[in-house]
Amino acid sequence: MLRDRAEPKPLIWRGTSKSDFMDFPSAAQREMGYALFLAQMGKRHSAMAKTLEGFGGGAVVEVKENTAKADIERVRKRLNDPIAEMEKRK
């Protein structure tokens, strides 16, 4: 089935990412939610999103200003887990 260009890509929460998001204040949730929606639509929030280095170009977009090393490792694990799952299925 072909995807309608106006249809957003699915948003998949990994690990504790959704509960972590829900712990943010409501104003931050609204702003980050909008940035996530733009990412789903293939766009980028002008002030909150940038390419996260070390993940193969624009495949991973960071939706905050600074990322701690521990957070980068968490992102790396959450990105690699589904890749490993797909490789097991082959």
PDB file of N, CA and C in Angstrom:
ATOM      1  N   MET A   1       0.833  -1.176   0.000  1.00  0.00           N
ATOM      2  CA  MET A   1       0.000   0.000   0.000  1.00  0.00           C
ATOM      3  C   MET A   1       0.884   1.248   0.000  1.00  0.00           C
ATOM      4  N   LEU A   2       0.596   2.183  -0.856  1.00  0.00           N
ATOM      5  CA  LEU A   2       1.362   3.423  -0.928  1.00  0.00           C
ATOM      6  C   LEU A   2       0.896   4.389   0.151  1.00  0.00           C
ATOM      7  N   ARG A   3       1.831   5.052   0.748  1.00  0.00           N
ATOM      8  CA  ARG A   3       1.528   6.013   1.817  1.00  0.00           C
ATOM      9  C   ARG A   3       1.158   7.362   1.198  1.00  0.00           C
ATOM     10  N   ASP A   4       0.072   7.948   1.687  1.00  0.00           N
ATOM     11  CA  ASP A   4      -0.325   9.285   1.284  1.00  0.00           C
ATOM     12  C   ASP A   4       0.737  10.258   1.789  1.00  0.00           C
ATOM     13  N   ARG A   5       1.194  11.163   0.947  1.00  0.00           N
ATOM     14  CA  ARG A   5       2.253  12.103   1.335  1.00  0.00           C
ATOM     15  C   ARG A   5       1.855  12.948   2.535  1.00  0.00           C
ATOM     16  N   ALA A   6       0.565  13.166   2.748  1.00  0.00           N
ATOM     17  CA  ALA A   6       0.113  13.974   3.877  1.00  0.00           C
ATOM     18  C   ALA A   6       0.018  13.161   5.164  1.00  0.00           C
ATOM     19  N   GLU A   7       0.217  11.858   5.080  1.00  0.00           N
ATOM     20  CA  GLU A   7       0.111  11.000   6.253  1.00  0.00           C
ATOM     21  C   GLU A   7       1.449  10.948   6.998  1.00  0.00           C
ATOM     22  N   PRO A   8       1.438  11.191   8.310  1.00  0.00           N
ATOM     23  CA  PRO A   8       2.700  11.163   9.048  1.00  0.00           C
ATOM     24  C   PRO A   8       3.263   9.751   9.164  1.00  0.00           C
ATOM     25  N   LYS A   9       4.595   9.660   9.233  1.00  0.00           N
ATOM     26  CA  LYS A   9       5.239   8.375   9.492  1.00  0.00           C
ATOM     27  C   LYS A   9       4.900   7.965  10.916  1.00  0.00           C
ATOM     28  N   PRO A  10       4.906   6.671  11.207  1.00  0.00           N
ATOM     29  CA  PRO A  10       4.568   6.257  12.576  1.00  0.00           C
ATOM     30  C   PRO A  10       5.618   6.728  13.583  1.00  0.00           C
ATOM     31  N   LEU A  11       5.173   7.023  14.779  1.00  0.00           N
ATOM     32  CA  LEU A  11       6.049   7.391  15.880  1.00  0.00           C
ATOM     33  C   LEU A  11       6.139   6.174  16.787  1.00  0.00           C
ATOM     34  N   ILE A  12       7.325   5.636  16.952  1.00  0.00           N
ATOM     35  CA  ILE A  12       7.516   4.426  17.751  1.00  0.00           C
ATOM     36  C   ILE A  12       8.303   4.796  18.996  1.00  0.00           C
ATOM     37  N   TRP A  13       7.727   4.550  20.154  1.00  0.00           N
ATOM     38  CA  TRP A  13       8.373   4.829  21.427  1.00  0.00           C
ATOM     39  C   TRP A  13       9.186   3.613  21.829  1.00  0.00           C
ATOM     40  N   ARG A  14      10.443   3.797  22.207  1.00  0.00           N
ATOM     41  CA  ARG A  14      11.324   2.703  22.622  1.00  0.00           C
ATOM     42  C   ARG A  14      11.690   2.874  24.088  1.00  0.00           C
ATOM     43  N   GLY A  15      11.820   1.759  24.799  1.00  0.00           N
ATOM     44  CA  GLY A  15      12.227   1.802  26.197  1.00  0.00           C
ATOM     45  C   GLY A  15      11.289   2.672  27.012  1.00  0.00           C
ATOM     46  N   THR A  16      11.849   3.551  27.801  1.00  0.00           N
ATOM     47  CA  THR A  16      11.050   4.432  28.660  1.00  0.00           C
ATOM     48  C   THR A  16      10.787   5.794  28.020  1.00  0.00           C
ATOM     49  N   SER A  17      11.032   5.911  26.720  1.00  0.00           N
ATOM     50  CA  SER A  17      10.944   7.229  26.077  1.00  0.00           C
ATOM     51  C   SER A  17       9.568   7.878  26.227  1.00  0.00           C
ATOM     52  N   LYS A  18       8.481   7.101  26.130  1.00  0.00           N
ATOM     53  CA  LYS A  18       7.155   7.722  26.242  1.00  0.00           C
ATOM     54  C   LYS A  18       6.882   8.172  27.674  1.00  0.00           C
ATOM     55  N   SER A  19       7.211   7.345  28.653  1.00  0.00           N
ATOM     56  CA  SER A  19       6.977   7.761  30.040  1.00  0.00           C
ATOM     57  C   SER A  19       7.901   8.923  30.413  1.00  0.00           C
ATOM     58  N   ASP A  20       9.124   8.935  29.866  1.00  0.00           N
ATOM     59  CA  ASP A  20      10.022  10.075  30.086  1.00  0.00           C
ATOM     60  C   ASP A  20       9.400  11.349  29.519  1.00  0.00           C
ATOM     61  N   PHE A  21       8.834  11.241  28.321  1.00  0.00           N
ATOM     62  CA  PHE A  21       8.178  12.374  27.669  1.00  0.00           C
ATOM     63  C   PHE A  21       6.997  12.863  28.503  1.00  0.00           C
ATOM     64  N   MET A  22       6.217  11.930  29.031  1.00  0.00           N
ATOM     65  CA  MET A  22       5.025  12.292  29.802  1.00  0.00           C
ATOM     66  C   MET A  22       5.380  12.961  31.135  1.00  0.00           C
ATOM     67  N   ASP A  23       6.616  12.787  31.593  1.00  0.00           N
ATOM     68  CA  ASP A  23       7.064  13.436  32.826  1.00  0.00           C
ATOM     69  C   ASP A  23       7.435  14.909  32.621  1.00  0.00           C
ATOM     70  N   PHE A  24       7.597  15.346  31.361  1.00  0.00           N
ATOM     71  CA  PHE A  24       7.920  16.742  31.097  1.00  0.00           C
ATOM     72  C   PHE A  24       6.726  17.631  31.448  1.00  0.00           C
ATOM     73  N   PRO A  25       6.968  18.904  31.758  1.00  0.00           N
ATOM     74  CA  PRO A  25       5.852  19.844  31.958  1.00  0.00           C
ATOM     75  C   PRO A  25       5.018  19.935  30.681  1.00  0.00           C
ATOM     76  N   SER A  26       3.733  20.269  30.832  1.00  0.00           N
ATOM     77  CA  SER A  26       2.820  20.273  29.680  1.00  0.00           C
ATOM     78  C   SER A  26       3.280  21.217  28.567  1.00  0.00           C
ATOM     79  N   ALA A  27       3.853  22.360  28.906  1.00  0.00           N
ATOM     80  CA  ALA A  27       4.326  23.290  27.864  1.00  0.00           C
ATOM     81  C   ALA A  27       5.449  22.647  27.050  1.00  0.00           C
ATOM     82  N   ALA A  28       6.351  21.943  27.720  1.00  0.00           N
ATOM     83  CA  ALA A  28       7.440  21.258  27.014  1.00  0.00           C
ATOM     84  C   ALA A  28       6.890  20.122  26.165  1.00  0.00           C
ATOM     85  N   GLN A  29       5.890  19.403  26.677  1.00  0.00           N
ATOM     86  CA  GLN A  29       5.266  18.328  25.891  1.00  0.00           C
ATOM     87  C   GLN A  29       4.652  18.873  24.609  1.00  0.00           C
ATOM     88  N   ARG A  30       3.970  20.017  24.707  1.00  0.00           N
ATOM     89  CA  ARG A  30       3.355  20.609  23.509  1.00  0.00           C
ATOM     90  C   ARG A  30       4.415  20.963  22.472  1.00  0.00           C
ATOM     91  N   GLU A  31       5.476  21.639  22.910  1.00  0.00           N
ATOM     92  CA  GLU A  31       6.517  22.072  21.973  1.00  0.00           C
ATOM     93  C   GLU A  31       7.258  20.870  21.379  1.00  0.00           C
ATOM     94  N   MET A  32       7.613  19.912  22.232  1.00  0.00           N
ATOM     95  CA  MET A  32       8.307  18.717  21.734  1.00  0.00           C
ATOM     96  C   MET A  32       7.375  17.857  20.887  1.00  0.00           C
ATOM     97  N   GLY A  33       6.109  17.790  21.267  1.00  0.00           N
ATOM     98  CA  GLY A  33       5.135  17.045  20.474  1.00  0.00           C
ATOM     99  C   GLY A  33       5.020  17.610  19.067  1.00  0.00           C
ATOM    100  N   TYR A  34       5.015  18.933  18.970  1.00  0.00           N
ATOM    101  CA  TYR A  34       4.973  19.575  17.656  1.00  0.00           C
ATOM    102  C   TYR A  34       6.233  19.253  16.863  1.00  0.00           C
ATOM    103  N   ALA A  35       7.400  19.283  17.538  1.00  0.00           N
ATOM    104  CA  ALA A  35       8.656  18.946  16.860  1.00  0.00           C
ATOM    105  C   ALA A  35       8.645  17.487  16.389  1.00  0.00           C
ATOM    106  N   LEU A  36       8.089  16.599  17.206  1.00  0.00           N
ATOM    107  CA  LEU A  36       7.987  15.187  16.799  1.00  0.00           C
ATOM    108  C   LEU A  36       7.049  15.040  15.601  1.00  0.00           C
ATOM    109  N   PHE A  37       5.919  15.764  15.619  1.00  0.00           N
ATOM    110  CA  PHE A  37       4.990  15.711  14.496  1.00  0.00           C
ATOM    111  C   PHE A  37       5.663  16.186  13.207  1.00  0.00           C
ATOM    112  N   LEU A  38       6.401  17.284  13.300  1.00  0.00           N
ATOM    113  CA  LEU A  38       7.111  17.767  12.114  1.00  0.00           C
ATOM    114  C   LEU A  38       8.083  16.710  11.596  1.00  0.00           C
ATOM    115  N   ALA A  39       8.789  16.039  12.516  1.00  0.00           N
ATOM    116  CA  ALA A  39       9.718  14.973  12.107  1.00  0.00           C
ATOM    117  C   ALA A  39       8.961  13.845  11.413  1.00  0.00           C
ATOM    118  N   GLN A  40       7.785  13.497  11.922  1.00  0.00           N
ATOM    119  CA  GLN A  40       6.965  12.460  11.284  1.00  0.00           C
ATOM    120  C   GLN A  40       6.566  12.860   9.865  1.00  0.00           C
ATOM    121  N   MET A  41       6.431  14.155   9.642  1.00  0.00           N
ATOM    122  CA  MET A  41       6.034  14.661   8.332  1.00  0.00           C
ATOM    123  C   MET A  41       7.238  14.910   7.422  1.00  0.00           C
ATOM    124  N   GLY A  42       8.438  14.554   7.919  1.00  0.00           N
ATOM    125  CA  GLY A  42       9.648  14.733   7.119  1.00  0.00           C
ATOM    126  C   GLY A  42      10.197  16.145   7.162  1.00  0.00           C
ATOM    127  N   LYS A  43       9.768  16.919   8.158  1.00  0.00           N
ATOM    128  CA  LYS A  43      10.226  18.301   8.300  1.00  0.00           C
ATOM    129  C   LYS A  43      10.998  18.437   9.600  1.00  0.00           C
ATOM    130  N   ARG A  44      11.482  19.610   9.871  1.00  0.00           N
ATOM    131  CA  ARG A  44      12.302  19.836  11.056  1.00  0.00           C
ATOM    132  C   ARG A  44      11.892  21.122  11.753  1.00  0.00           C
ATOM    133  N   HIS A  45      11.733  21.070  13.051  1.00  0.00           N
ATOM    134  CA  HIS A  45      11.423  22.258  13.853  1.00  0.00           C
ATOM    135  C   HIS A  45      12.606  23.213  13.755  1.00  0.00           C
ATOM    136  N   SER A  46      12.347  24.462  13.423  1.00  0.00           N
ATOM    137  CA  SER A  46      13.435  25.406  13.163  1.00  0.00           C
ATOM    138  C   SER A  46      14.288  25.695  14.389  1.00  0.00           C
ATOM    139  N   ALA A  47      13.715  25.649  15.571  1.00  0.00           N
ATOM    140  CA  ALA A  47      14.482  26.009  16.765  1.00  0.00           C
ATOM    141  C   ALA A  47      14.875  24.810  17.622  1.00  0.00           C
ATOM    142  N   MET A  48      14.134  23.705  17.548  1.00  0.00           N
ATOM    143  CA  MET A  48      14.354  22.610  18.489  1.00  0.00           C
ATOM    144  C   MET A  48      14.986  21.360  17.904  1.00  0.00           C
ATOM    145  N   ALA A  49      15.138  21.245  16.616  1.00  0.00           N
ATOM    146  CA  ALA A  49      15.607  19.988  16.038  1.00  0.00           C
ATOM    147  C   ALA A  49      16.892  20.189  15.255  1.00  0.00           C
ATOM    148  N   LYS A  50      17.790  19.220  15.418  1.00  0.00           N
ATOM    149  CA  LYS A  50      19.016  19.201  14.629  1.00  0.00           C
ATOM    150  C   LYS A  50      19.433  17.748  14.453  1.00  0.00           C
ATOM    151  N   THR A  51      20.279  17.479  13.464  1.00  0.00           N
ATOM    152  CA  THR A  51      20.769  16.134  13.226  1.00  0.00           C
ATOM    153  C   THR A  51      21.684  15.731  14.366  1.00  0.00           C
ATOM    154  N   LEU A  52      21.452  14.545  14.931  1.00  0.00           N
ATOM    155  CA  LEU A  52      22.285  14.032  16.010  1.00  0.00           C
ATOM    156  C   LEU A  52      23.465  13.318  15.392  1.00  0.00           C
ATOM    157  N   GLU A  53      24.664  13.795  15.692  1.00  0.00           N
ATOM    158  CA  GLU A  53      25.888  13.256  15.096  1.00  0.00           C
ATOM    159  C   GLU A  53      26.133  11.807  15.513  1.00  0.00           C
ATOM    160  N   GLY A  54      26.750  11.038  14.607  1.00  0.00           N
ATOM    161  CA  GLY A  54      27.149   9.675  14.915  1.00  0.00           C
ATOM    162  C   GLY A  54      26.111   8.619  14.631  1.00  0.00           C
ATOM    163  N   PHE A  55      25.039   8.979  13.930  1.00  0.00           N
ATOM    164  CA  PHE A  55      23.976   8.027  13.635  1.00  0.00           C
ATOM    165  C   PHE A  55      23.658   7.974  12.149  1.00  0.00           C
ATOM    166  N   GLY A  56      24.648   8.154  11.316  1.00  0.00           N
ATOM    167  CA  GLY A  56      24.458   8.001   9.879  1.00  0.00           C
ATOM    168  C   GLY A  56      23.691   9.122   9.218  1.00  0.00           C
ATOM    169  N   GLY A  57      24.055  10.344   9.477  1.00  0.00           N
ATOM    170  CA  GLY A  57      23.424  11.471   8.787  1.00  0.00           C
ATOM    171  C   GLY A  57      22.142  11.915   9.445  1.00  0.00           C
ATOM    172  N   GLY A  58      21.125  12.182   8.644  1.00  0.00           N
ATOM    173  CA  GLY A  58      19.874  12.724   9.148  1.00  0.00           C
ATOM    174  C   GLY A  58      18.892  11.693   9.637  1.00  0.00           C
ATOM    175  N   ALA A  59      19.313  10.454   9.855  1.00  0.00           N
ATOM    176  CA  ALA A  59      18.386   9.409  10.269  1.00  0.00           C
ATOM    177  C   ALA A  59      17.872   9.638  11.688  1.00  0.00           C
ATOM    178  N   VAL A  60      18.644  10.272  12.539  1.00  0.00           N
ATOM    179  CA  VAL A  60      18.240  10.536  13.913  1.00  0.00           C
ATOM    180  C   VAL A  60      18.252  12.047  14.119  1.00  0.00           C
ATOM    181  N   VAL A  61      17.116  12.577  14.544  1.00  0.00           N
ATOM    182  CA  VAL A  61      16.993  14.010  14.772  1.00  0.00           C
ATOM    183  C   VAL A  61      16.837  14.240  16.271  1.00  0.00           C
ATOM    184  N   GLU A  62      17.655  15.095  16.810  1.00  0.00           N
ATOM    185  CA  GLU A  62      17.614  15.445  18.225  1.00  0.00           C
ATOM    186  C   GLU A  62      16.600  16.560  18.416  1.00  0.00           C
ATOM    187  N   VAL A  63      15.666  16.368  19.360  1.00  0.00           N
ATOM    188  CA  VAL A  63      14.645  17.385  19.621  1.00  0.00           C
ATOM    189  C   VAL A  63      14.895  18.004  20.990  1.00  0.00           C
ATOM    190  N   LYS A  64      16.085  18.513  21.184  1.00  0.00           N
ATOM    191  CA  LYS A  64      16.438  19.336  22.330  1.00  0.00           C
ATOM    192  C   LYS A  64      17.792  19.937  22.054  1.00  0.00           C
ATOM    193  N   GLU A  65      18.199  20.860  22.870  1.00  0.00           N
ATOM    194  CA  GLU A  65      19.411  21.614  22.543  1.00  0.00           C
ATOM    195  C   GLU A  65      20.703  20.841  22.793  1.00  0.00           C
ATOM    196  N   ASN A  66      20.856  20.245  23.955  1.00  0.00           N
ATOM    197  CA  ASN A  66      22.084  19.534  24.291  1.00  0.00           C
ATOM    198  C   ASN A  66      21.762  18.111  24.731  1.00  0.00           C
ATOM    199  N   THR A  67      22.620  17.178  24.381  1.00  0.00           N
ATOM    200  CA  THR A  67      22.399  15.773  24.714  1.00  0.00           C
ATOM    201  C   THR A  67      23.581  15.256  25.519  1.00  0.00           C
ATOM    202  N   ALA A  68      23.294  14.719  26.698  1.00  0.00           N
ATOM    203  CA  ALA A  68      24.340  14.143  27.540  1.00  0.00           C
ATOM    204  C   ALA A  68      24.829  12.838  26.928  1.00  0.00           C
ATOM    205  N   LYS A  69      26.065  12.455  27.242  1.00  0.00           N
ATOM    206  CA  LYS A  69      26.654  11.237  26.697  1.00  0.00           C
ATOM    207  C   LYS A  69      25.794  10.013  27.029  1.00  0.00           C
ATOM    208  N   ALA A  70      25.266   9.939  28.256  1.00  0.00           N
ATOM    209  CA  ALA A  70      24.411   8.809  28.642  1.00  0.00           C
ATOM    210  C   ALA A  70      23.155   8.758  27.777  1.00  0.00           C
ATOM    211  N   ASP A  71      22.609   9.925  27.448  1.00  0.00           N
ATOM    212  CA  ASP A  71      21.426   9.971  26.588  1.00  0.00           C
ATOM    213  C   ASP A  71      21.756   9.501  25.181  1.00  0.00           C
ATOM    214  N   ILE A  72      22.925   9.847  24.679  1.00  0.00           N
ATOM    215  CA  ILE A  72      23.335   9.409  23.341  1.00  0.00           C
ATOM    216  C   ILE A  72      23.450   7.893  23.306  1.00  0.00           C
ATOM    217  N   GLU A  73      23.997   7.300  24.370  1.00  0.00           N
ATOM    218  CA  GLU A  73      24.096   5.838  24.425  1.00  0.00           C
ATOM    219  C   GLU A  73      22.710   5.206  24.481  1.00  0.00           C
ATOM    220  N   ARG A  74      21.768   5.828  25.175  1.00  0.00           N
ATOM    221  CA  ARG A  74      20.389   5.323  25.228  1.00  0.00           C
ATOM    222  C   ARG A  74      19.761   5.381  23.839  1.00  0.00           C
ATOM    223  N   VAL A  75      19.989   6.477  23.115  1.00  0.00           N
ATOM    224  CA  VAL A  75      19.472   6.599  21.743  1.00  0.00           C
ATOM    225  C   VAL A  75      20.084   5.515  20.857  1.00  0.00           C
ATOM    226  N   ARG A  76      21.395   5.314  20.988  1.00  0.00           N
ATOM    227  CA  ARG A  76      22.079   4.306  20.185  1.00  0.00           C
ATOM    228  C   ARG A  76      21.475   2.917  20.431  1.00  0.00           C
ATOM    229  N   LYS A  77      21.219   2.575  21.707  1.00  0.00           N
ATOM    230  CA  LYS A  77      20.631   1.274  22.030  1.00  0.00           C
ATOM    231  C   LYS A  77      19.218   1.164  21.455  1.00  0.00           C
ATOM    232  N   ARG A  78      18.412   2.217  21.630  1.00  0.00           N
ATOM    233  CA  ARG A  78      17.035   2.177  21.127  1.00  0.00           C
ATOM    234  C   ARG A  78      16.981   2.100  19.611  1.00  0.00           C
ATOM    235  N   LEU A  79      17.982   2.634  18.945  1.00  0.00           N
ATOM    236  CA  LEU A  79      18.049   2.550  17.491  1.00  0.00           C
ATOM    237  C   LEU A  79      18.535   1.177  17.051  1.00  0.00           C
ATOM    238  N   ASN A  80      19.510   0.624  17.770  1.00  0.00           N
ATOM    239  CA  ASN A  80      20.079  -0.666  17.386  1.00  0.00           C
ATOM    240  C   ASN A  80      19.185  -1.852  17.727  1.00  0.00           C
ATOM    241  N   ASP A  81      18.361  -1.760  18.766  1.00  0.00           N
ATOM    242  CA  ASP A  81      17.491  -2.876  19.148  1.00  0.00           C
ATOM    243  C   ASP A  81      16.573  -3.323  18.007  1.00  0.00           C
ATOM    244  N   PRO A  82      15.814  -2.408  17.367  1.00  0.00           N
ATOM    245  CA  PRO A  82      14.947  -2.872  16.268  1.00  0.00           C
ATOM    246  C   PRO A  82      15.744  -3.354  15.057  1.00  0.00           C
ATOM    247  N   ILE A  83      16.920  -2.795  14.841  1.00  0.00           N
ATOM    248  CA  ILE A  83      17.763  -3.259  13.732  1.00  0.00           C
ATOM    249  C   ILE A  83      18.194  -4.695  13.975  1.00  0.00           C
ATOM    250  N   ALA A  84      18.601  -4.992  15.219  1.00  0.00           N
ATOM    251  CA  ALA A  84      19.000  -6.362  15.572  1.00  0.00           C
ATOM    252  C   ALA A  84      17.817  -7.315  15.454  1.00  0.00           C
ATOM    253  N   GLU A  85      16.616  -6.860  15.866  1.00  0.00           N
ATOM    254  CA  GLU A  85      15.418  -7.697  15.758  1.00  0.00           C
ATOM    255  C   GLU A  85      15.122  -8.045  14.294  1.00  0.00           C
ATOM    256  N   MET A  86      15.266  -7.062  13.411  1.00  0.00           N
ATOM    257  CA  MET A  86      15.022  -7.300  11.977  1.00  0.00           C
ATOM    258  C   MET A  86      16.037  -8.274  11.411  1.00  0.00           C
ATOM    259  N   GLU A  87      17.302  -8.167  11.818  1.00  0.00           N
ATOM    260  CA  GLU A  87      18.329  -9.067  11.303  1.00  0.00           C
ATOM    261  C   GLU A  87      18.105 -10.500  11.752  1.00  0.00           C
ATOM    262  N   LYS A  88      17.559 -10.702  12.970  1.00  0.00           N
ATOM    263  CA  LYS A  88      17.248 -12.040  13.461  1.00  0.00           C
ATOM    264  C   LYS A  88      16.171 -12.713  12.612  1.00  0.00           C
ATOM    265  N   ARG A  89      15.246 -11.915  12.074  1.00  0.00           N
ATOM    266  CA  ARG A  89      14.131 -12.448  11.283  1.00  0.00           C
ATOM    267  C   ARG A  89      14.560 -12.935   9.910  1.00  0.00           C
ATOM    268  N   LYS A  90      15.722 -12.462   9.449  1.00  0.00           N
ATOM    269  CA  LYS A  90      16.193 -12.834   8.100  1.00  0.00           C
ATOM    270  C   LYS A  90      16.657 -14.255   8.037  1.00  0.00           C
TER     271      LYS A  90
END
